[in-house]
Amino acid sequence: MYASNTNLAQLSKNLLNSMREDVIGVDVGTYAIYSNRKFMEFLSAHIKAQNFSQLKIPLVVVATSIEFGDLVSFSVGPLIPAVMASAAVPGVFHPVEINQDYYVDGGVVSSVPVNIAKTFNPDVIVAVNINETLPKTEPTNVLGLLRRALEISYVKHGEFEAQQADLVISFDFNNIGSFTDQQNDFLYDAGRNAGKKAVLQIKQLLKTRKY
């Protein structure tokens, strides 16, 4: 949304006023519990660009190939399908078909895709790690143990890759659900404050990388 329209006032208004039902609609199917339709309508309403080439800021999004298990980057071609694929959390949203292959959330392979960023030879890589820390409660059954194992893998993998960035901005978002709409203002302020604190470091890094 920001790459399409850099008007921050309008962008923040759209996001802060967005509710859960604006993005997801129940449609239990074979592969997910939510329909992709509302998510697509939300993106289409707020992103006027149809293709990556029409964006005001260059953008790359990543998604995981269901067939091959690879992390795939998208930076050309149709925009909305790629963005939807990059956020298609398994079991939540249906996989998205692009060029006869199906994709889900890039976080399945890399929740902080610094290695993808490196392939574009940037001057500075600022990683934003929104992974939660591990829950304090211990698993009490086999499903809980399996979930815990996935949480450990997700968190540790994200931490490892984030360390390869020049600067990491992290948050403590424990106990806030992925689809809650009760904490919009808190999340916005937390992200804004963390970003402002990192500005000086980012400027210093840019000075050292001048050519």
C-alpha atoms as a PDB file:
ATOM      1  CA  MET A   1       0.000   0.000   0.000  1.00  0.00           C
ATOM      2  CA  TYR A   2       2.834   2.390   0.824  1.00  0.00           C
ATOM      3  CA  ALA A   3       4.728   1.561  -2.366  1.00  0.00           C
ATOM      4  CA  SER A   4       1.563   2.409  -4.331  1.00  0.00           C
ATOM      5  CA  ASN A   5       0.597   5.600  -2.495  1.00  0.00           C
ATOM      6  CA  THR A   6       3.199   7.379  -0.380  1.00  0.00           C
ATOM      7  CA  ASN A   7       0.590   9.619   1.269  1.00  0.00           C
ATOM      8  CA  LEU A   8       1.238   8.528   4.866  1.00  0.00           C
ATOM      9  CA  ALA A   9      -1.745  10.389   6.306  1.00  0.00           C
ATOM     10  CA  GLN A  10      -4.147   8.568   3.999  1.00  0.00           C
ATOM     11  CA  LEU A  11      -2.379   5.250   4.473  1.00  0.00           C
ATOM     12  CA  SER A  12      -2.497   5.391   8.265  1.00  0.00           C
ATOM     13  CA  LYS A  13      -6.173   6.415   8.168  1.00  0.00           C
ATOM     14  CA  ASN A  14      -7.045   3.443   5.942  1.00  0.00           C
ATOM     15  CA  LEU A  15      -5.199   0.967   8.140  1.00  0.00           C
ATOM     16  CA  LEU A  16      -6.265   2.301  11.531  1.00  0.00           C
ATOM     17  CA  ASN A  17      -9.909   2.243  10.465  1.00  0.00           C
ATOM     18  CA  SER A  18      -9.703  -1.259   9.013  1.00  0.00           C
ATOM     19  CA  MET A  19     -11.481  -4.034  10.863  1.00  0.00           C
ATOM     20  CA  ARG A  20     -11.149  -7.801  10.841  1.00  0.00           C
ATOM     21  CA  GLU A  21     -14.218  -8.235   8.668  1.00  0.00           C
ATOM     22  CA  ASP A  22     -12.721  -5.916   6.026  1.00  0.00           C
ATOM     23  CA  VAL A  23     -10.013  -8.470   5.312  1.00  0.00           C
ATOM     24  CA  ILE A  24     -11.319 -11.922   6.135  1.00  0.00           C
ATOM     25  CA  GLY A  25     -14.574 -13.766   5.605  1.00  0.00           C
ATOM     26  CA  VAL A  26     -15.373 -17.270   6.793  1.00  0.00           C
ATOM     27  CA  ASP A  27     -15.490 -19.783   3.952  1.00  0.00           C
ATOM     28  CA  VAL A  28     -14.385 -23.159   5.238  1.00  0.00           C
ATOM     29  CA  GLY A  29     -12.870 -25.211   2.429  1.00  0.00           C
ATOM     30  CA  THR A  30     -10.413 -28.009   1.853  1.00  0.00           C
ATOM     31  CA  TYR A  31      -7.322 -25.940   2.546  1.00  0.00           C
ATOM     32  CA  ALA A  32      -8.368 -22.945   4.667  1.00  0.00           C
ATOM     33  CA  ILE A  33     -10.967 -21.528   7.027  1.00  0.00           C
ATOM     34  CA  TYR A  34     -11.128 -18.054   5.460  1.00  0.00           C
ATOM     35  CA  SER A  35     -11.994 -16.892   1.973  1.00  0.00           C
ATOM     36  CA  ASN A  36      -9.412 -15.064  -0.142  1.00  0.00           C
ATOM     37  CA  ARG A  37     -12.143 -12.893  -1.678  1.00  0.00           C
ATOM     38  CA  LYS A  38     -12.355 -10.178   0.981  1.00  0.00           C
ATOM     39  CA  PHE A  39      -8.591  -9.934   1.242  1.00  0.00           C
ATOM     40  CA  MET A  40      -8.368  -9.448  -2.538  1.00  0.00           C
ATOM     41  CA  GLU A  41     -11.126  -6.808  -2.448  1.00  0.00           C
ATOM     42  CA  PHE A  42      -9.359  -4.952   0.366  1.00  0.00           C
ATOM     43  CA  LEU A  43      -6.054  -4.883  -1.495  1.00  0.00           C
ATOM     44  CA  SER A  44      -7.695  -3.874  -4.760  1.00  0.00           C
ATOM     45  CA  ALA A  45      -9.527  -1.011  -3.052  1.00  0.00           C
ATOM     46  CA  HIS A  46      -6.360   0.434  -1.513  1.00  0.00           C
ATOM     47  CA  ILE A  47      -3.743  -0.374  -4.142  1.00  0.00           C
ATOM     48  CA  LYS A  48      -4.350   1.304  -7.483  1.00  0.00           C
ATOM     49  CA  ALA A  49      -1.305  -0.212  -9.205  1.00  0.00           C
ATOM     50  CA  GLN A  50      -2.020  -3.339 -11.215  1.00  0.00           C
ATOM     51  CA  ASN A  51       1.598  -4.303 -11.821  1.00  0.00           C
ATOM     52  CA  PHE A  52       4.866  -3.952  -9.924  1.00  0.00           C
ATOM     53  CA  SER A  53       6.109  -1.540 -12.605  1.00  0.00           C
ATOM     54  CA  GLN A  54       3.358   0.962 -11.690  1.00  0.00           C
ATOM     55  CA  LEU A  55       4.467   1.325  -8.064  1.00  0.00           C
ATOM     56  CA  LYS A  56       6.088   4.543  -6.875  1.00  0.00           C
ATOM     57  CA  ILE A  57       8.628   2.637  -4.769  1.00  0.00           C
ATOM     58  CA  PRO A  58      10.318  -0.587  -5.964  1.00  0.00           C
ATOM     59  CA  LEU A  59       8.857  -3.589  -4.161  1.00  0.00           C
ATOM     60  CA  VAL A  60       9.734  -7.256  -3.799  1.00  0.00           C
ATOM     61  CA  VAL A  61       7.455  -9.748  -2.033  1.00  0.00           C
ATOM     62  CA  VAL A  62       8.196 -13.385  -1.243  1.00  0.00           C
ATOM     63  CA  ALA A  63       6.046 -16.498  -1.117  1.00  0.00           C
ATOM     64  CA  THR A  64       6.611 -20.221  -0.666  1.00  0.00           C
ATOM     65  CA  SER A  65       6.075 -22.625  -3.555  1.00  0.00           C
ATOM     66  CA  ILE A  66       3.835 -25.482  -2.445  1.00  0.00           C
ATOM     67  CA  GLU A  67       5.246 -27.846  -5.069  1.00  0.00           C
ATOM     68  CA  PHE A  68       8.958 -27.251  -4.580  1.00  0.00           C
ATOM     69  CA  GLY A  69       9.169 -25.678  -1.111  1.00  0.00           C
ATOM     70  CA  ASP A  70      11.271 -22.815  -2.465  1.00  0.00           C
ATOM     71  CA  LEU A  71      11.125 -19.201  -1.349  1.00  0.00           C
ATOM     72  CA  VAL A  72      10.213 -17.267  -4.488  1.00  0.00           C
ATOM     73  CA  SER A  73      10.515 -13.513  -4.956  1.00  0.00           C
ATOM     74  CA  PHE A  74       8.097 -11.472  -7.061  1.00  0.00           C
ATOM     75  CA  SER A  75       9.057  -8.040  -8.383  1.00  0.00           C
ATOM     76  CA  VAL A  76       7.513  -7.956 -11.872  1.00  0.00           C
ATOM     77  CA  GLY A  77       4.106  -8.748 -13.313  1.00  0.00           C
ATOM     78  CA  PRO A  78       0.671  -8.656 -11.647  1.00  0.00           C
ATOM     79  CA  LEU A  79       0.835  -7.171  -8.154  1.00  0.00           C
ATOM     80  CA  ILE A  80      -2.256  -8.259  -6.181  1.00  0.00           C
ATOM     81  CA  PRO A  81      -1.831 -12.052  -6.652  1.00  0.00           C
ATOM     82  CA  ALA A  82       1.785 -11.842  -5.496  1.00  0.00           C
ATOM     83  CA  VAL A  83       0.884  -9.809  -2.400  1.00  0.00           C
ATOM     84  CA  MET A  84      -1.935 -12.220  -1.580  1.00  0.00           C
ATOM     85  CA  ALA A  85       0.398 -15.201  -1.977  1.00  0.00           C
ATOM     86  CA  SER A  86       2.987 -13.610   0.301  1.00  0.00           C
ATOM     87  CA  ALA A  87       0.386 -13.382   3.075  1.00  0.00           C
ATOM     88  CA  ALA A  88      -1.473 -16.659   2.484  1.00  0.00           C
ATOM     89  CA  VAL A  89      -0.920 -18.151   5.945  1.00  0.00           C
ATOM     90  CA  PRO A  90      -1.373 -21.938   5.620  1.00  0.00           C
ATOM     91  CA  GLY A  91      -4.710 -23.070   6.996  1.00  0.00           C
ATOM     92  CA  VAL A  92      -5.949 -19.492   7.235  1.00  0.00           C
ATOM     93  CA  PHE A  93      -6.043 -18.376   3.589  1.00  0.00           C
ATOM     94  CA  HIS A  94      -6.175 -20.599   0.532  1.00  0.00           C
ATOM     95  CA  PRO A  95      -2.982 -21.023  -1.520  1.00  0.00           C
ATOM     96  CA  VAL A  96      -2.751 -18.562  -4.418  1.00  0.00           C
ATOM     97  CA  GLU A  97      -2.189 -19.751  -7.977  1.00  0.00           C
ATOM     98  CA  ILE A  98       0.422 -17.867 -10.001  1.00  0.00           C
ATOM     99  CA  ASN A  99       1.644 -19.184 -13.358  1.00  0.00           C
ATOM    100  CA  GLN A 100       0.215 -22.659 -12.678  1.00  0.00           C
ATOM    101  CA  ASP A 101       1.987 -23.024  -9.338  1.00  0.00           C
ATOM    102  CA  TYR A 102       0.469 -22.555  -5.895  1.00  0.00           C
ATOM    103  CA  TYR A 103       1.997 -20.351  -3.199  1.00  0.00           C
ATOM    104  CA  VAL A 104       1.558 -19.678   0.503  1.00  0.00           C
ATOM    105  CA  ASP A 105       3.064 -17.232   3.010  1.00  0.00           C
ATOM    106  CA  GLY A 106       6.792 -16.683   2.519  1.00  0.00           C
ATOM    107  CA  GLY A 107       7.185 -16.989   6.286  1.00  0.00           C
ATOM    108  CA  VAL A 108       6.912 -20.773   5.921  1.00  0.00           C
ATOM    109  CA  VAL A 109      10.495 -20.716   4.626  1.00  0.00           C
ATOM    110  CA  SER A 110      11.757 -17.352   5.857  1.00  0.00           C
ATOM    111  CA  SER A 111       9.882 -15.018   8.202  1.00  0.00           C
ATOM    112  CA  VAL A 112      12.582 -12.335   7.824  1.00  0.00           C
ATOM    113  CA  PRO A 113      13.833 -12.748   4.228  1.00  0.00           C
ATOM    114  CA  VAL A 114      17.191 -10.988   4.502  1.00  0.00           C
ATOM    115  CA  ASN A 115      18.829 -13.409   2.061  1.00  0.00           C
ATOM    116  CA  ILE A 116      16.335 -12.387  -0.625  1.00  0.00           C
ATOM    117  CA  ALA A 117      17.103  -8.721   0.075  1.00  0.00           C
ATOM    118  CA  LYS A 118      20.824  -9.409  -0.389  1.00  0.00           C
ATOM    119  CA  THR A 119      20.288 -10.609  -3.957  1.00  0.00           C
ATOM    120  CA  PHE A 120      19.270  -7.057  -4.928  1.00  0.00           C
ATOM    121  CA  ASN A 121      22.599  -5.618  -3.683  1.00  0.00           C
ATOM    122  CA  PRO A 122      21.180  -2.923  -1.394  1.00  0.00           C
ATOM    123  CA  ASP A 123      23.402  -0.378   0.375  1.00  0.00           C
ATOM    124  CA  VAL A 124      21.754  -1.107   3.721  1.00  0.00           C
ATOM    125  CA  ILE A 125      19.346  -3.815   4.878  1.00  0.00           C
ATOM    126  CA  VAL A 126      16.972  -2.884   7.702  1.00  0.00           C
ATOM    127  CA  ALA A 127      15.094  -5.964   8.898  1.00  0.00           C
ATOM    128  CA  VAL A 128      11.819  -5.707  10.780  1.00  0.00           C
ATOM    129  CA  ASN A 129      11.275  -8.759  12.969  1.00  0.00           C
ATOM    130  CA  ILE A 130       7.720  -9.045  14.302  1.00  0.00           C
ATOM    131  CA  ASN A 131       8.086 -12.636  15.491  1.00  0.00           C
ATOM    132  CA  GLU A 132       6.773 -13.192  18.998  1.00  0.00           C
ATOM    133  CA  THR A 133       8.897 -14.751  21.703  1.00  0.00           C
ATOM    134  CA  LEU A 134       7.990 -18.287  22.703  1.00  0.00           C
ATOM    135  CA  PRO A 135       4.886 -18.578  24.926  1.00  0.00           C
ATOM    136  CA  LYS A 136       5.526 -19.212  28.625  1.00  0.00           C
ATOM    137  CA  THR A 137       3.001 -22.043  28.801  1.00  0.00           C
ATOM    138  CA  GLU A 138       4.294 -25.559  28.216  1.00  0.00           C
ATOM    139  CA  PRO A 139       2.524 -28.063  25.929  1.00  0.00           C
ATOM    140  CA  THR A 140       0.233 -30.550  27.654  1.00  0.00           C
ATOM    141  CA  ASN A 141      -0.606 -32.878  24.759  1.00  0.00           C
ATOM    142  CA  VAL A 142       0.693 -34.073  21.405  1.00  0.00           C
ATOM    143  CA  LEU A 143      -0.935 -31.251  19.421  1.00  0.00           C
ATOM    144  CA  GLY A 144       0.513 -28.711  21.825  1.00  0.00           C
ATOM    145  CA  LEU A 145       3.949 -30.260  21.406  1.00  0.00           C
ATOM    146  CA  LEU A 146       3.721 -30.135  17.614  1.00  0.00           C
ATOM    147  CA  ARG A 147       2.628 -26.500  17.763  1.00  0.00           C
ATOM    148  CA  ARG A 148       5.511 -25.702  20.115  1.00  0.00           C
ATOM    149  CA  ALA A 149       7.985 -27.308  17.724  1.00  0.00           C
ATOM    150  CA  LEU A 150       6.685 -25.163  14.861  1.00  0.00           C
ATOM    151  CA  GLU A 151       6.861 -22.028  17.018  1.00  0.00           C
ATOM    152  CA  ILE A 152      10.472 -22.770  17.957  1.00  0.00           C
ATOM    153  CA  SER A 153      11.422 -23.321  14.310  1.00  0.00           C
ATOM    154  CA  TYR A 154       9.661 -20.129  13.191  1.00  0.00           C
ATOM    155  CA  VAL A 155      11.177 -17.921  15.905  1.00  0.00           C
ATOM    156  CA  LYS A 156      14.729 -19.266  15.699  1.00  0.00           C
ATOM    157  CA  HIS A 157      14.818 -19.213  11.921  1.00  0.00           C
ATOM    158  CA  GLY A 158      13.647 -15.604  11.932  1.00  0.00           C
ATOM    159  CA  GLU A 159      16.239 -14.603  14.527  1.00  0.00           C
ATOM    160  CA  PHE A 160      19.049 -16.270  12.584  1.00  0.00           C
ATOM    161  CA  GLU A 161      18.247 -14.582   9.300  1.00  0.00           C
ATOM    162  CA  ALA A 162      17.551 -11.195  10.893  1.00  0.00           C
ATOM    163  CA  GLN A 163      21.070 -11.183  12.340  1.00  0.00           C
ATOM    164  CA  GLN A 164      22.419 -10.998   8.797  1.00  0.00           C
ATOM    165  CA  ALA A 165      20.860  -7.564   8.285  1.00  0.00           C
ATOM    166  CA  ASP A 166      22.694  -4.299   8.958  1.00  0.00           C
ATOM    167  CA  LEU A 167      20.050  -3.259  11.472  1.00  0.00           C
ATOM    168  CA  VAL A 168      17.134  -5.085  13.090  1.00  0.00           C
ATOM    169  CA  ILE A 169      13.978  -3.418  14.381  1.00  0.00           C
ATOM    170  CA  SER A 170      12.152  -5.750  16.766  1.00  0.00           C
ATOM    171  CA  PHE A 171       8.909  -5.628  18.748  1.00  0.00           C
ATOM    172  CA  ASP A 172       7.255  -7.388  21.635  1.00  0.00           C
ATOM    173  CA  PHE A 173       3.789  -8.222  20.350  1.00  0.00           C
ATOM    174  CA  ASN A 174       3.042 -11.178  22.604  1.00  0.00           C
ATOM    175  CA  ASN A 175      -0.619 -11.939  23.296  1.00  0.00           C
ATOM    176  CA  ILE A 176      -1.823  -9.923  20.295  1.00  0.00           C
ATOM    177  CA  GLY A 177      -3.538 -12.129  17.723  1.00  0.00           C
ATOM    178  CA  SER A 178      -2.706 -11.875  14.045  1.00  0.00           C
ATOM    179  CA  PHE A 179      -6.247 -10.840  13.147  1.00  0.00           C
ATOM    180  CA  THR A 180      -7.231  -8.720  16.109  1.00  0.00           C
ATOM    181  CA  ASP A 181      -8.569  -5.254  15.381  1.00  0.00           C
ATOM    182  CA  GLN A 182      -8.614  -4.052  18.994  1.00  0.00           C
ATOM    183  CA  GLN A 183      -4.964  -2.980  19.051  1.00  0.00           C
ATOM    184  CA  ASN A 184      -4.652  -0.995  15.815  1.00  0.00           C
ATOM    185  CA  ASP A 185      -3.570   2.248  17.488  1.00  0.00           C
ATOM    186  CA  PHE A 186      -1.145   0.469  19.831  1.00  0.00           C
ATOM    187  CA  LEU A 187       0.490  -1.431  16.966  1.00  0.00           C
ATOM    188  CA  TYR A 188       0.732   1.701  14.827  1.00  0.00           C
ATOM    189  CA  ASP A 189       2.334   3.722  17.627  1.00  0.00           C
ATOM    190  CA  ALA A 190       4.708   0.887  18.548  1.00  0.00           C
ATOM    191  CA  GLY A 191       5.906   0.555  14.962  1.00  0.00           C
ATOM    192  CA  ARG A 192       6.234   4.303  14.499  1.00  0.00           C
ATOM    193  CA  ASN A 193       8.210   4.749  17.727  1.00  0.00           C
ATOM    194  CA  ALA A 194      10.529   1.836  16.956  1.00  0.00           C
ATOM    195  CA  GLY A 195      11.164   3.248  13.492  1.00  0.00           C
ATOM    196  CA  LYS A 196      11.898   6.735  14.812  1.00  0.00           C
ATOM    197  CA  LYS A 197      14.421   5.311  17.286  1.00  0.00           C
ATOM    198  CA  ALA A 198      16.250   3.598  14.438  1.00  0.00           C
ATOM    199  CA  VAL A 199      16.465   6.649  12.137  1.00  0.00           C
ATOM    200  CA  LEU A 200      19.817   7.901  13.460  1.00  0.00           C
ATOM    201  CA  GLN A 201      21.412   4.461  13.091  1.00  0.00           C
ATOM    202  CA  ILE A 202      20.042   4.115   9.572  1.00  0.00           C
ATOM    203  CA  LYS A 203      21.448   7.516   8.579  1.00  0.00           C
ATOM    204  CA  GLN A 204      24.840   6.593  10.008  1.00  0.00           C
ATOM    205  CA  LEU A 205      24.845   3.320   8.094  1.00  0.00           C
ATOM    206  CA  LEU A 206      23.965   5.109   4.870  1.00  0.00           C
ATOM    207  CA  LYS A 207      26.866   7.530   5.349  1.00  0.00           C
ATOM    208  CA  THR A 208      29.326   4.663   5.658  1.00  0.00           C
ATOM    209  CA  ARG A 209      28.011   3.040   2.475  1.00  0.00           C
ATOM    210  CA  LYS A 210      28.206   6.111   0.244  1.00  0.00           C
ATOM    211  CA  TYR A 211      30.070   5.526  -2.980  1.00  0.00           C
END
